[in-house]
Amino acid sequence: MKKLDNSSKDLYVGAHQDDVPIAAAARMLKNPERIYVANITDGVSAFQYPKCSKWTGRTYETAEEFSAQRNMEDRNALSLIG
């Protein structure tokens, strides 16, 4: 097994927002300065709007508005990690 030096980075890939903080938070807390995160999708469907979030109770009029909210929540969660 190759030993990594301290300058290496860790890439975490999630299907959409909140996957990485939920799945890997404990590991990420050990080395927060080494984190790169990639979300493959914006995490929202392009249909069925207006949509009411079951978590916040807020209604989103467009997919873009809901995606912006998900992005903000992801950034906030990752900022808690480091």
Protein backbone atom coordinates (compact mmCIF):
# COMPACT_ATOMS: atom_id res chain seq x y z
CA MET A 1 0.00 0.00 0.00
CA LYS A 2 1.36 3.40 -0.97
CA LYS A 3 1.79 5.82 1.91
CA LEU A 4 0.46 9.27 1.10
CA ASP A 5 2.35 12.38 2.08
CA ASN A 6 0.76 15.19 4.06
CA SER A 7 0.19 17.30 0.96
CA SER A 8 -2.25 14.84 -0.60
CA LYS A 9 -5.93 15.70 -0.85
CA ASP A 10 -9.06 13.61 -0.35
CA LEU A 11 -11.80 13.73 -2.98
CA TYR A 12 -15.32 12.95 -1.78
CA VAL A 13 -17.94 12.37 -4.47
CA GLY A 14 -21.68 12.45 -3.79
CA ALA A 15 -24.67 12.01 -6.04
CA HIS A 16 -26.12 15.28 -4.75
CA GLN A 17 -25.88 17.74 -1.89
CA ASP A 18 -25.83 16.34 1.65
CA ASP A 19 -24.53 12.90 0.60
CA VAL A 20 -20.91 13.70 1.43
CA PRO A 21 -21.44 15.46 4.80
CA ILE A 22 -23.78 12.70 5.96
CA ALA A 23 -21.66 9.78 4.75
CA ALA A 24 -18.16 11.01 5.48
CA ALA A 25 -18.30 13.69 8.17
CA ALA A 26 -16.39 11.67 10.78
CA ARG A 27 -13.54 10.97 8.38
CA MET A 28 -13.52 14.52 7.05
CA LEU A 29 -13.20 15.94 10.56
CA LYS A 30 -9.83 14.22 10.94
CA ASN A 31 -8.25 16.22 8.09
CA PRO A 32 -10.57 19.09 7.04
CA GLU A 33 -7.80 20.92 5.20
CA ARG A 34 -7.45 18.00 2.77
CA ILE A 35 -11.03 17.99 1.48
CA TYR A 36 -12.32 18.35 -2.05
CA VAL A 37 -16.03 17.66 -2.62
CA ALA A 38 -17.78 16.96 -5.93
CA ASN A 39 -21.56 16.70 -6.27
CA ILE A 40 -22.62 15.01 -9.49
CA THR A 41 -26.11 16.57 -9.73
CA ASP A 42 -27.88 19.57 -8.26
CA GLY A 43 -30.08 17.24 -6.21
CA VAL A 44 -33.46 18.43 -7.43
CA SER A 45 -35.95 17.25 -9.99
CA ALA A 46 -36.88 19.53 -12.88
CA PHE A 47 -40.61 19.00 -12.51
CA GLN A 48 -43.41 19.22 -9.94
CA TYR A 49 -43.06 22.88 -8.96
CA PRO A 50 -44.12 24.66 -6.86
CA LYS A 51 -42.73 22.19 -4.37
CA CYS A 52 -42.96 22.19 -0.59
CA SER A 53 -39.91 20.91 1.30
CA LYS A 54 -40.81 18.23 3.82
CA TRP A 55 -37.86 19.38 5.98
CA THR A 56 -38.34 23.16 6.07
CA GLY A 57 -41.99 23.54 5.09
CA ARG A 58 -40.87 26.22 2.62
CA THR A 59 -42.35 26.29 -0.87
CA TYR A 60 -39.97 26.58 -3.83
CA GLU A 61 -41.37 27.96 -7.06
CA THR A 62 -38.62 26.65 -9.38
CA ALA A 63 -35.98 23.93 -9.54
CA GLU A 64 -33.30 26.63 -9.58
CA GLU A 65 -34.60 28.14 -6.33
CA PHE A 66 -34.65 24.72 -4.66
CA SER A 67 -31.15 23.93 -5.98
CA ALA A 68 -29.80 27.21 -4.56
CA GLN A 69 -31.25 26.29 -1.16
CA ARG A 70 -29.67 22.82 -1.32
CA ASN A 71 -26.30 24.34 -2.27
CA MET A 72 -26.45 26.75 0.66
CA GLU A 73 -27.31 23.92 3.07
CA ASP A 74 -24.39 21.85 1.70
CA ARG A 75 -21.94 24.74 2.13
CA ASN A 76 -23.18 25.30 5.69
CA ALA A 77 -22.77 21.62 6.58
CA LEU A 78 -19.28 21.50 5.10
CA SER A 79 -18.28 24.69 6.92
CA LEU A 80 -19.06 22.96 10.21
CA ILE A 81 -16.60 20.24 9.25
CA GLY A 82 -13.86 22.70 8.45
